[in-house]
C-alpha atoms as a PDB file:
ATOM      1  CA  MET A   1     207.464 -76.160 -94.239  1.00  0.00           C
ATOM      2  CA  THR A   2     209.533 -74.153 -96.558  1.00  0.00           C
ATOM      3  CA  ARG A   3     208.715 -70.522 -97.372  1.00  0.00           C
ATOM      4  CA  ARG A   4     207.892 -71.415-100.893  1.00  0.00           C
ATOM      5  CA  ASN A   5     205.540 -74.116 -99.884  1.00  0.00           C
ATOM      6  CA  LEU A   6     203.694 -71.893 -97.568  1.00  0.00           C
ATOM      7  CA  ILE A   7     203.370 -69.209-100.350  1.00  0.00           C
ATOM      8  CA  LEU A   8     201.984 -71.894-102.624  1.00  0.00           C
ATOM      9  CA  ILE A   9     199.430 -72.934-100.034  1.00  0.00           C
ATOM     10  CA  ILE A  10     198.356 -69.239 -99.519  1.00  0.00           C
ATOM     11  CA  LEU A  11     197.864 -68.801-103.240  1.00  0.00           C
ATOM     12  CA  VAL A  12     195.864 -71.974-103.556  1.00  0.00           C
ATOM     13  CA  VAL A  13     193.642 -70.717-100.656  1.00  0.00           C
ATOM     14  CA  LEU A  14     193.124 -67.368-102.185  1.00  0.00           C
ATOM     15  CA  LEU A  15     192.404 -68.890-105.676  1.00  0.00           C
ATOM     16  CA  ILE A  16     189.626 -71.141-104.083  1.00  0.00           C
ATOM     17  CA  GLY A  17     188.297 -68.027-102.133  1.00  0.00           C
ATOM     18  CA  VAL A  18     187.883 -65.942-105.186  1.00  0.00           C
ATOM     19  CA  GLY A  19     186.477 -68.743-107.078  1.00  0.00           C
ATOM     20  CA  SER A  20     183.740 -69.374-104.579  1.00  0.00           C
ATOM     21  CA  ILE A  21     182.914 -65.768-104.290  1.00  0.00           C
ATOM     22  CA  ILE A  22     182.525 -65.502-108.231  1.00  0.00           C
ATOM     23  CA  TYR A  23     180.410 -68.666-108.314  1.00  0.00           C
ATOM     24  CA  PHE A  24     178.276 -68.352-105.304  1.00  0.00           C
ATOM     25  CA  GLY A  25     178.160 -64.694-104.791  1.00  0.00           C
ATOM     26  CA  LYS A  26     176.793 -63.364-108.135  1.00  0.00           C
ATOM     27  CA  SER A  27     174.144 -60.683-107.592  1.00  0.00           C
ATOM     28  CA  PRO A  28     171.473 -59.490-109.993  1.00  0.00           C
ATOM     29  CA  SER A  29     173.643 -56.602-110.880  1.00  0.00           C
ATOM     30  CA  GLN A  30     176.153 -58.959-112.448  1.00  0.00           C
ATOM     31  CA  GLY A  31     173.680 -60.257-115.120  1.00  0.00           C
ATOM     32  CA  SER A  32     172.335 -63.368-113.221  1.00  0.00           C
ATOM     33  CA  VAL A  33     168.951 -64.467-114.175  1.00  0.00           C
ATOM     34  CA  PHE A  34     166.425 -66.849-112.395  1.00  0.00           C
ATOM     35  CA  GLY A  35     167.146 -70.521-112.319  1.00  0.00           C
ATOM     36  CA  THR A  36     164.906 -73.520-113.113  1.00  0.00           C
ATOM     37  CA  SER A  37     161.778 -71.584-112.199  1.00  0.00           C
ATOM     38  CA  ILE A  38     162.373 -69.310-115.256  1.00  0.00           C
ATOM     39  CA  ASN A  39     161.147 -71.958-117.580  1.00  0.00           C
ATOM     40  CA  SER A  40     160.576 -72.832-121.195  1.00  0.00           C
ATOM     41  CA  PHE A  41     157.723 -70.373-121.307  1.00  0.00           C
ATOM     42  CA  TYR A  42     160.067 -67.430-120.635  1.00  0.00           C
ATOM     43  CA  SER A  43     163.465 -68.913-121.882  1.00  0.00           C
ATOM     44  CA  GLN A  44     163.484 -67.258-125.278  1.00  0.00           C
ATOM     45  CA  LYS A  45     162.846 -63.908-123.558  1.00  0.00           C
ATOM     46  CA  ILE A  46     165.450 -64.483-120.933  1.00  0.00           C
ATOM     47  CA  SER A  47     168.083 -65.272-123.745  1.00  0.00           C
ATOM     48  CA  LYS A  48     167.593 -61.702-125.253  1.00  0.00           C
ATOM     49  CA  ILE A  49     168.524 -59.604-122.070  1.00  0.00           C
ATOM     50  CA  ASP A  50     170.982 -57.423-123.737  1.00  0.00           C
ATOM     51  CA  PRO A  51     171.878 -55.355-121.716  1.00  0.00           C
ATOM     52  CA  PRO A  52     170.147 -56.316-118.546  1.00  0.00           C
ATOM     53  CA  PRO A  53     169.076 -53.423-116.115  1.00  0.00           C
ATOM     54  CA  THR A  54     172.191 -52.034-114.329  1.00  0.00           C
ATOM     55  CA  ARG A  55     172.265 -51.251-110.629  1.00  0.00           C
ATOM     56  CA  LYS A  56     173.541 -47.885-109.856  1.00  0.00           C
ATOM     57  CA  PRO A  57     176.762 -47.964-107.985  1.00  0.00           C
ATOM     58  CA  SER A  58     175.435 -45.859-105.088  1.00  0.00           C
ATOM     59  CA  ALA A  59     172.457 -48.203-104.435  1.00  0.00           C
ATOM     60  CA  SER A  60     172.472 -50.102-101.276  1.00  0.00           C
ATOM     61  CA  ASP A  61     170.455 -53.115-100.647  1.00  0.00           C
ATOM     62  CA  PRO A  62     166.867 -52.720 -99.371  1.00  0.00           C
ATOM     63  CA  ARG A  63     165.790 -53.931 -95.944  1.00  0.00           C
ATOM     64  CA  ILE A  64     162.502 -55.979 -96.652  1.00  0.00           C
ATOM     65  CA  ASN A  65     160.801 -57.274 -93.457  1.00  0.00           C
ATOM     66  CA  ALA A  66     159.264 -60.448 -94.867  1.00  0.00           C
ATOM     67  CA  GLN A  67     160.342 -64.108 -95.024  1.00  0.00           C
ATOM     68  CA  SER A  68     160.482 -64.214 -98.792  1.00  0.00           C
ATOM     69  CA  ALA A  69     160.526 -61.393-101.490  1.00  0.00           C
ATOM     70  CA  ILE A  70     161.400 -60.737-105.072  1.00  0.00           C
ATOM     71  CA  LEU A  71     161.444 -57.477-107.273  1.00  0.00           C
ATOM     72  CA  MET A  72     161.284 -58.325-111.115  1.00  0.00           C
ATOM     73  CA  HIS A  73     161.713 -56.158-114.225  1.00  0.00           C
ATOM     74  CA  GLU A  74     158.601 -57.487-116.085  1.00  0.00           C
ATOM     75  CA  ALA A  75     159.859 -56.702-119.597  1.00  0.00           C
ATOM     76  CA  SER A  76     162.983 -58.878-119.283  1.00  0.00           C
ATOM     77  CA  MET A  77     161.928 -60.967-116.336  1.00  0.00           C
ATOM     78  CA  TYR A  78     165.264 -59.867-114.787  1.00  0.00           C
ATOM     79  CA  PRO A  79     165.590 -60.148-110.929  1.00  0.00           C
ATOM     80  CA  LEU A  80     166.529 -56.775-109.387  1.00  0.00           C
ATOM     81  CA  TYR A  81     166.305 -58.149-105.785  1.00  0.00           C
ATOM     82  CA  SER A  82     165.440 -61.588-104.148  1.00  0.00           C
ATOM     83  CA  LYS A  83     165.252 -62.872-100.663  1.00  0.00           C
ATOM     84  CA  ASN A  84     164.558 -66.581-100.257  1.00  0.00           C
ATOM     85  CA  ALA A  85     162.652 -66.251-103.492  1.00  0.00           C
ATOM     86  CA  ASP A  86     162.497 -69.831-104.100  1.00  0.00           C
ATOM     87  CA  TYR A  87     161.176 -70.888-100.710  1.00  0.00           C
ATOM     88  CA  GLN A  88     158.048 -72.993-101.058  1.00  0.00           C
ATOM     89  CA  ILE A  89     155.444 -71.602 -98.705  1.00  0.00           C
ATOM     90  CA  PRO A  90     151.641 -70.812 -98.450  1.00  0.00           C
ATOM     91  CA  VAL A  91     150.620 -67.884-100.458  1.00  0.00           C
ATOM     92  CA  ALA A  92     146.888 -67.497 -99.306  1.00  0.00           C
ATOM     93  CA  SER A  93     144.795 -65.486-101.539  1.00  0.00           C
ATOM     94  CA  ILE A  94     147.331 -64.759-104.192  1.00  0.00           C
ATOM     95  CA  THR A  95     145.958 -68.058-105.333  1.00  0.00           C
ATOM     96  CA  LYS A  96     143.078 -66.334-106.755  1.00  0.00           C
ATOM     97  CA  ILE A  97     145.254 -64.821-109.630  1.00  0.00           C
ATOM     98  CA  MET A  98     145.359 -68.426-110.997  1.00  0.00           C
ATOM     99  CA  THR A  99     141.700 -68.817-110.332  1.00  0.00           C
ATOM    100  CA  ALA A 100     141.145 -65.736-112.485  1.00  0.00           C
ATOM    101  CA  VAL A 101     143.494 -66.903-115.135  1.00  0.00           C
ATOM    102  CA  VAL A 102     141.758 -70.234-115.420  1.00  0.00           C
ATOM    103  CA  ALA A 103     138.340 -68.667-115.429  1.00  0.00           C
ATOM    104  CA  LEU A 104     139.191 -66.263-118.247  1.00  0.00           C
ATOM    105  CA  GLU A 105     140.692 -69.091-120.289  1.00  0.00           C
ATOM    106  CA  ASN A 106     137.757 -71.406-119.997  1.00  0.00           C
ATOM    107  CA  TYR A 107     134.684 -68.975-119.621  1.00  0.00           C
ATOM    108  CA  LYS A 108     133.247 -65.984-121.359  1.00  0.00           C
ATOM    109  CA  LEU A 109     132.907 -62.765-119.485  1.00  0.00           C
ATOM    110  CA  ASP A 110     129.187 -62.643-119.977  1.00  0.00           C
ATOM    111  CA  ASP A 111     128.693 -66.281-119.010  1.00  0.00           C
ATOM    112  CA  VAL A 112     126.172 -66.522-116.122  1.00  0.00           C
ATOM    113  CA  ILE A 113     126.754 -68.583-112.937  1.00  0.00           C
ATOM    114  CA  GLU A 114     124.069 -69.532-110.584  1.00  0.00           C
ATOM    115  CA  VAL A 115     125.570 -69.327-107.126  1.00  0.00           C
ATOM    116  CA  SER A 116     125.385 -72.625-105.026  1.00  0.00           C
ATOM    117  CA  ALA A 117     124.885 -72.974-101.292  1.00  0.00           C
ATOM    118  CA  ASP A 118     128.260 -74.396-101.000  1.00  0.00           C
ATOM    119  CA  SER A 119     129.824 -71.407-102.546  1.00  0.00           C
ATOM    120  CA  VAL A 120     128.277 -68.996 -99.939  1.00  0.00           C
ATOM    121  CA  ASN A 121     129.081 -71.154 -96.996  1.00  0.00           C
ATOM    122  CA  VAL A 122     132.709 -69.812 -96.634  1.00  0.00           C
ATOM    123  CA  THR A 123     134.351 -67.061 -94.624  1.00  0.00           C
ATOM    124  CA  PRO A 124     136.045 -64.749 -93.873  1.00  0.00           C
ATOM    125  CA  SER A 125     136.565 -62.531 -96.889  1.00  0.00           C
ATOM    126  CA  VAL A 126     133.567 -62.510 -99.087  1.00  0.00           C
ATOM    127  CA  MET A 127     131.689 -60.411-101.672  1.00  0.00           C
ATOM    128  CA  ASN A 128     128.404 -61.427-100.129  1.00  0.00           C
ATOM    129  CA  LEU A 129     126.933 -63.656-102.720  1.00  0.00           C
ATOM    130  CA  SER A 130     123.486 -65.214-102.189  1.00  0.00           C
ATOM    131  CA  THR A 131     122.308 -68.786-102.704  1.00  0.00           C
ATOM    132  CA  GLY A 132     120.763 -69.110-106.037  1.00  0.00           C
ATOM    133  CA  GLU A 133     121.909 -65.558-107.223  1.00  0.00           C
ATOM    134  CA  LYS A 134     122.750 -65.363-110.858  1.00  0.00           C
ATOM    135  CA  ILE A 135     125.855 -63.359-111.653  1.00  0.00           C
ATOM    136  CA  THR A 136     128.243 -62.908-114.601  1.00  0.00           C
ATOM    137  CA  VAL A 137     131.748 -64.190-114.545  1.00  0.00           C
ATOM    138  CA  ARG A 138     133.050 -60.620-115.168  1.00  0.00           C
ATOM    139  CA  ASN A 139     131.259 -59.666-111.908  1.00  0.00           C
ATOM    140  CA  LEU A 140     132.638 -62.505-110.021  1.00  0.00           C
ATOM    141  CA  LEU A 141     136.174 -61.509-111.138  1.00  0.00           C
ATOM    142  CA  TYR A 142     135.732 -58.088-109.640  1.00  0.00           C
ATOM    143  CA  GLY A 143     134.574 -59.868-106.265  1.00  0.00           C
ATOM    144  CA  LEU A 144     137.563 -62.303-106.579  1.00  0.00           C
ATOM    145  CA  LEU A 145     140.378 -59.821-107.243  1.00  0.00           C
ATOM    146  CA  LEU A 146     138.959 -56.800-105.487  1.00  0.00           C
ATOM    147  CA  GLN A 147     137.282 -57.952-102.435  1.00  0.00           C
ATOM    148  CA  SER A 148     139.314 -61.133-102.379  1.00  0.00           C
ATOM    149  CA  GLY A 149     135.983 -63.070-102.137  1.00  0.00           C
ATOM    150  CA  ASN A 150     136.232 -66.676-101.140  1.00  0.00           C
ATOM    151  CA  ASP A 151     132.695 -66.986-102.153  1.00  0.00           C
ATOM    152  CA  ALA A 152     133.456 -65.659-105.659  1.00  0.00           C
ATOM    153  CA  ALA A 153     136.494 -68.061-106.027  1.00  0.00           C
ATOM    154  CA  LEU A 154     134.152 -71.132-105.076  1.00  0.00           C
ATOM    155  CA  ALA A 155     131.403 -69.763-107.433  1.00  0.00           C
ATOM    156  CA  LEU A 156     133.832 -69.527-110.268  1.00  0.00           C
ATOM    157  CA  ALA A 157     135.462 -72.907-109.739  1.00  0.00           C
ATOM    158  CA  SER A 158     132.149 -74.789-109.352  1.00  0.00           C
ATOM    159  CA  GLY A 159     129.921 -72.833-111.585  1.00  0.00           C
ATOM    160  CA  LYS A 160     130.665 -74.476-114.874  1.00  0.00           C
ATOM    161  CA  MET A 161     132.371 -77.712-114.040  1.00  0.00           C
ATOM    162  CA  PRO A 162     133.266 -79.897-111.089  1.00  0.00           C
ATOM    163  CA  MET A 163     135.500 -78.011-108.703  1.00  0.00           C
ATOM    164  CA  GLU A 164     138.102 -80.776-108.767  1.00  0.00           C
ATOM    165  CA  LYS A 165     138.418 -80.352-112.542  1.00  0.00           C
ATOM    166  CA  PHE A 166     138.911 -76.521-112.099  1.00  0.00           C
ATOM    167  CA  ILE A 167     141.687 -77.236-109.561  1.00  0.00           C
ATOM    168  CA  ASN A 168     143.275 -79.645-111.817  1.00  0.00           C
ATOM    169  CA  LEU A 169     143.367 -76.880-114.552  1.00  0.00           C
ATOM    170  CA  MET A 170     144.960 -74.622-112.272  1.00  0.00           C
ATOM    171  CA  ASN A 171     147.736 -76.982-111.595  1.00  0.00           C
ATOM    172  CA  GLN A 172     147.913 -77.760-115.266  1.00  0.00           C
ATOM    173  CA  LYS A 173     148.503 -74.032-115.890  1.00  0.00           C
ATOM    174  CA  ALA A 174     151.004 -73.926-113.267  1.00  0.00           C
ATOM    175  CA  SER A 175     152.969 -76.813-115.020  1.00  0.00           C
ATOM    176  CA  GLU A 176     152.703 -75.075-118.264  1.00  0.00           C
ATOM    177  CA  LEU A 177     154.311 -71.882-116.789  1.00  0.00           C
ATOM    178  CA  GLY A 178     157.040 -73.944-115.204  1.00  0.00           C
ATOM    179  CA  LEU A 179     156.006 -73.028-111.669  1.00  0.00           C
ATOM    180  CA  GLU A 180     157.897 -75.733-110.044  1.00  0.00           C
ATOM    181  CA  LYS A 181     157.321 -74.803-106.315  1.00  0.00           C
ATOM    182  CA  THR A 182     153.548 -74.236-106.872  1.00  0.00           C
ATOM    183  CA  LYS A 183     150.714 -76.621-106.148  1.00  0.00           C
ATOM    184  CA  PHE A 184     147.015 -75.485-105.588  1.00  0.00           C
ATOM    185  CA  GLU A 185     144.670 -77.332-103.281  1.00  0.00           C
ATOM    186  CA  ASP A 186     141.636 -74.998-103.467  1.00  0.00           C
ATOM    187  CA  PRO A 187     140.634 -71.981-105.659  1.00  0.00           C
ATOM    188  CA  ALA A 188     140.759 -69.450-102.838  1.00  0.00           C
ATOM    189  CA  GLY A 189     143.879 -70.063-101.256  1.00  0.00           C
ATOM    190  CA  LEU A 190     142.390 -71.081 -97.715  1.00  0.00           C
ATOM    191  CA  ASP A 191     144.105 -74.587 -97.803  1.00  0.00           C
ATOM    192  CA  ASP A 192     147.820 -73.875 -96.593  1.00  0.00           C
ATOM    193  CA  GLN A 193     148.823 -77.177 -98.081  1.00  0.00           C
ATOM    194  CA  GLY A 194     148.820 -75.261-101.266  1.00  0.00           C
ATOM    195  CA  HIS A 195     151.917 -73.436-101.761  1.00  0.00           C
ATOM    196  CA  SER A 196     154.149 -71.467-104.137  1.00  0.00           C
ATOM    197  CA  SER A 197     157.275 -69.281-104.033  1.00  0.00           C
ATOM    198  CA  ALA A 198     157.995 -65.606-104.705  1.00  0.00           C
ATOM    199  CA  ILE A 199     159.761 -66.452-107.958  1.00  0.00           C
ATOM    200  CA  ASP A 200     156.615 -68.529-109.145  1.00  0.00           C
ATOM    201  CA  VAL A 201     154.186 -65.832-108.089  1.00  0.00           C
ATOM    202  CA  ALA A 202     156.153 -63.169-110.132  1.00  0.00           C
ATOM    203  CA  ILE A 203     155.960 -65.341-113.126  1.00  0.00           C
ATOM    204  CA  LEU A 204     152.255 -66.084-112.627  1.00  0.00           C
ATOM    205  CA  PHE A 205     151.471 -62.270-112.261  1.00  0.00           C
ATOM    206  CA  SER A 206     153.469 -61.302-115.185  1.00  0.00           C
ATOM    207  CA  TYR A 207     151.459 -63.869-117.352  1.00  0.00           C
ATOM    208  CA  ALA A 208     148.241 -62.722-115.865  1.00  0.00           C
ATOM    209  CA  LEU A 209     148.845 -59.021-116.711  1.00  0.00           C
ATOM    210  CA  ARG A 210     148.770 -59.944-120.332  1.00  0.00           C
ATOM    211  CA  ASN A 211     145.060 -60.261-120.004  1.00  0.00           C
ATOM    212  CA  PRO A 212     143.622 -56.794-120.166  1.00  0.00           C
ATOM    213  CA  GLU A 213     140.610 -57.640-118.093  1.00  0.00           C
ATOM    214  CA  ILE A 214     142.824 -58.800-115.208  1.00  0.00           C
ATOM    215  CA  GLU A 215     144.967 -55.421-115.586  1.00  0.00           C
ATOM    216  CA  LYS A 216     141.747 -53.503-115.703  1.00  0.00           C
ATOM    217  CA  ILE A 217     140.144 -55.092-112.555  1.00  0.00           C
ATOM    218  CA  ILE A 218     143.118 -54.987-110.210  1.00  0.00           C
ATOM    219  CA  SER A 219     143.654 -51.455-111.095  1.00  0.00           C
ATOM    220  CA  THR A 220     140.103 -50.498-109.759  1.00  0.00           C
ATOM    221  CA  PRO A 221     139.928 -49.009-106.312  1.00  0.00           C
ATOM    222  CA  GLU A 222     136.297 -49.690-105.777  1.00  0.00           C
ATOM    223  CA  ILE A 223     133.246 -50.737-107.819  1.00  0.00           C
ATOM    224  CA  GLU A 224     129.562 -51.500-107.555  1.00  0.00           C
ATOM    225  CA  VAL A 225     128.403 -54.767-109.391  1.00  0.00           C
ATOM    226  CA  THR A 226     125.031 -56.577-109.304  1.00  0.00           C
ATOM    227  CA  SER A 227     123.433 -59.839-110.074  1.00  0.00           C
ATOM    228  CA  VAL A 228     122.080 -60.270-113.556  1.00  0.00           C
ATOM    229  CA  ASP A 229     118.395 -59.131-112.662  1.00  0.00           C
ATOM    230  CA  GLN A 230     120.121 -56.116-110.657  1.00  0.00           C
ATOM    231  CA  SER A 231     118.191 -57.161-107.548  1.00  0.00           C
ATOM    232  CA  ILE A 232     121.374 -57.858-105.670  1.00  0.00           C
ATOM    233  CA  VAL A 233     123.955 -55.085-105.245  1.00  0.00           C
ATOM    234  CA  HIS A 234     127.701 -55.860-104.059  1.00  0.00           C
ATOM    235  CA  GLN A 235     129.912 -52.883-102.996  1.00  0.00           C
ATOM    236  CA  LEU A 236     133.328 -53.796-103.586  1.00  0.00           C
ATOM    237  CA  LYS A 237     136.672 -52.204-102.333  1.00  0.00           C
ATOM    238  CA  ASN A 238     140.105 -53.266-103.429  1.00  0.00           C
ATOM    239  CA  SER A 239     141.960 -54.975-100.524  1.00  0.00           C
ATOM    240  CA  ASN A 240     145.247 -53.739-101.993  1.00  0.00           C
ATOM    241  CA  ARG A 241     146.106 -50.453-100.061  1.00  0.00           C
ATOM    242  CA  LEU A 242     148.441 -49.322-102.861  1.00  0.00           C
ATOM    243  CA  THR A 243     145.551 -49.450-105.370  1.00  0.00           C
ATOM    244  CA  THR A 244     143.090 -47.583-103.115  1.00  0.00           C
ATOM    245  CA  GLY A 245     145.899 -44.853-102.339  1.00  0.00           C
ATOM    246  CA  GLU A 246     145.791 -45.504 -98.562  1.00  0.00           C
ATOM    247  CA  ILE A 247     149.445 -46.300 -98.910  1.00  0.00           C
ATOM    248  CA  PRO A 248     150.504 -43.995-101.875  1.00  0.00           C
ATOM    249  CA  LEU A 249     152.701 -45.356-104.776  1.00  0.00           C
ATOM    250  CA  ASP A 250     153.292 -43.384-108.024  1.00  0.00           C
ATOM    251  CA  GLY A 251     152.601 -45.455-110.979  1.00  0.00           C
ATOM    252  CA  VAL A 252     150.844 -48.385-109.246  1.00  0.00           C
ATOM    253  CA  MET A 253     149.090 -50.802-111.571  1.00  0.00           C
ATOM    254  CA  GLY A 254     147.480 -53.228-109.031  1.00  0.00           C
ATOM    255  CA  GLY A 255     148.171 -56.526-107.472  1.00  0.00           C
ATOM    256  CA  LYS A 256     146.632 -59.077-105.141  1.00  0.00           C
ATOM    257  CA  THR A 257     146.781 -59.486-101.324  1.00  0.00           C
ATOM    258  CA  GLY A 258     146.588 -62.572 -99.285  1.00  0.00           C
ATOM    259  CA  TYR A 259     146.424 -63.656 -95.642  1.00  0.00           C
ATOM    260  CA  THR A 260     146.032 -66.755 -93.498  1.00  0.00           C
ATOM    261  CA  PRO A 261     147.578 -67.270 -90.163  1.00  0.00           C
ATOM    262  CA  ASP A 262     150.209 -69.697 -91.595  1.00  0.00           C
ATOM    263  CA  ALA A 263     150.937 -67.594 -94.810  1.00  0.00           C
ATOM    264  CA  GLY A 264     150.953 -64.247 -92.908  1.00  0.00           C
ATOM    265  CA  HIS A 265     150.420 -61.101 -95.016  1.00  0.00           C
ATOM    266  CA  THR A 266     151.289 -61.391 -98.627  1.00  0.00           C
ATOM    267  CA  LEU A 267     151.088 -59.189-101.767  1.00  0.00           C
ATOM    268  CA  VAL A 268     152.079 -59.204-105.311  1.00  0.00           C
ATOM    269  CA  SER A 269     151.999 -55.803-106.909  1.00  0.00           C
ATOM    270  CA  ALA A 270     153.146 -54.122-110.142  1.00  0.00           C
ATOM    271  CA  ALA A 271     153.923 -50.340-110.946  1.00  0.00           C
ATOM    272  CA  THR A 272     155.084 -48.606-114.073  1.00  0.00           C
ATOM    273  CA  ARG A 273     157.183 -45.581-114.322  1.00  0.00           C
ATOM    274  CA  ASP A 274     158.720 -44.021-117.624  1.00  0.00           C
ATOM    275  CA  GLY A 275     157.570 -47.139-119.510  1.00  0.00           C
ATOM    276  CA  GLN A 276     159.227 -49.587-117.139  1.00  0.00           C
ATOM    277  CA  THR A 277     156.995 -52.115-115.263  1.00  0.00           C
ATOM    278  CA  LEU A 278     158.234 -53.759-112.032  1.00  0.00           C
ATOM    279  CA  ILE A 279     156.766 -56.570-110.217  1.00  0.00           C
ATOM    280  CA  SER A 280     157.152 -57.057-106.412  1.00  0.00           C
ATOM    281  CA  VAL A 281     156.260 -60.134-104.487  1.00  0.00           C
ATOM    282  CA  VAL A 282     156.392 -59.982-100.693  1.00  0.00           C
ATOM    283  CA  LEU A 283     155.543 -63.213 -98.721  1.00  0.00           C
ATOM    284  CA  LYS A 284     154.954 -63.549 -94.959  1.00  0.00           C
ATOM    285  CA  THR A 285     155.785 -60.253 -93.611  1.00  0.00           C
ATOM    286  CA  TYR A 286     157.357 -60.221 -90.084  1.00  0.00           C
ATOM    287  CA  SER A 287     154.863 -57.661 -88.949  1.00  0.00           C
ATOM    288  CA  ASN A 288     151.169 -58.824 -88.462  1.00  0.00           C
ATOM    289  CA  ALA A 289     149.685 -55.330 -89.205  1.00  0.00           C
ATOM    290  CA  ALA A 290     147.244 -55.456 -92.103  1.00  0.00           C
ATOM    291  CA  SER A 291     149.207 -52.807 -93.820  1.00  0.00           C
ATOM    292  CA  ALA A 292     152.542 -54.543 -93.589  1.00  0.00           C
ATOM    293  CA  SER A 293     152.620 -56.276 -96.977  1.00  0.00           C
ATOM    294  CA  ALA A 294     151.560 -53.022 -98.838  1.00  0.00           C
ATOM    295  CA  GLU A 295     154.329 -51.111 -96.984  1.00  0.00           C
ATOM    296  CA  GLU A 296     156.947 -53.588 -97.731  1.00  0.00           C
ATOM    297  CA  SER A 297     155.873 -53.788-101.420  1.00  0.00           C
ATOM    298  CA  ARG A 298     156.030 -50.028-101.767  1.00  0.00           C
ATOM    299  CA  ASN A 299     159.504 -49.936-100.218  1.00  0.00           C
ATOM    300  CA  LEU A 300     160.692 -52.536-102.633  1.00  0.00           C
ATOM    301  CA  LEU A 301     159.056 -50.933-105.729  1.00  0.00           C
ATOM    302  CA  VAL A 302     160.512 -47.526-104.833  1.00  0.00           C
ATOM    303  CA  TRP A 303     163.885 -48.980-104.271  1.00  0.00           C
ATOM    304  CA  GLY A 304     163.818 -50.592-107.609  1.00  0.00           C
ATOM    305  CA  PHE A 305     162.860 -47.495-109.567  1.00  0.00           C
ATOM    306  CA  GLY A 306     165.539 -45.597-107.912  1.00  0.00           C
ATOM    307  CA  SER A 307     168.308 -48.156-107.756  1.00  0.00           C
ATOM    308  CA  TYR A 308     168.423 -49.278-111.277  1.00  0.00           C
ATOM    309  CA  ASN A 309     169.119 -47.916-114.928  1.00  0.00           C
ATOM    310  CA  PHE A 310     166.877 -49.659-117.485  1.00  0.00           C
END
């Protein structure tokens, strides 16, 4: 082999290597955006990122101890960080965000639901509804999103229509939002055959935050709600440790927790600082501690606010 041919081969290899790095190694700081899961619902917004958030040169990558995670700049839908963000996995009670969305888009807040025996025959996380209790949709939403009540989820899904129809509406809404990795099997997230992804959860939560009632509820640390006749009282505490202040986070707006043995500890949360809102999704933490998802979410949100210029 001549020296000239050897030089040509080296140049070709170098060109291929550089091209691969450019094509496959794009990071969010270079202006990349979500792929097909950022769908037609957000496509117009995505096309107007100019300029995108810029990562500070001194910012190192965060270490997030979870199988899947994403941090998103809500206003632009721009991904600041992602880790296996398109993995399709169970999300447990994060499912209840969609339950709340469908309930709010099909019921009135003052609608009254009579709780069936089937709705109370569920464990483990409940707001302690009673069979025959009459309670408003508004109060059920507090039980759903604060206490993560599985009984509240079942009551909302079956109180005004057959549960199968309600679940179909959940999946129809997922399709409208372009949540390509998402399928719901029940309104509570107990069935791990249901699944989503970090990207899809971020999109769903961004959409849910557009409803002022959801934003109000998830920001509430604790509340007392009653049945319509006020004979039954429910003391509710937010399951999100960021919202209750057990794990402090400046600017926290709220979020939704989830846990099943297969899904692990999960959390979607949002925080706002200086007019900028970030959404974090952490799915299946490596630690089985109950506080793990809140700790990882706080780390991710703090990293995002400190690592980017908006």
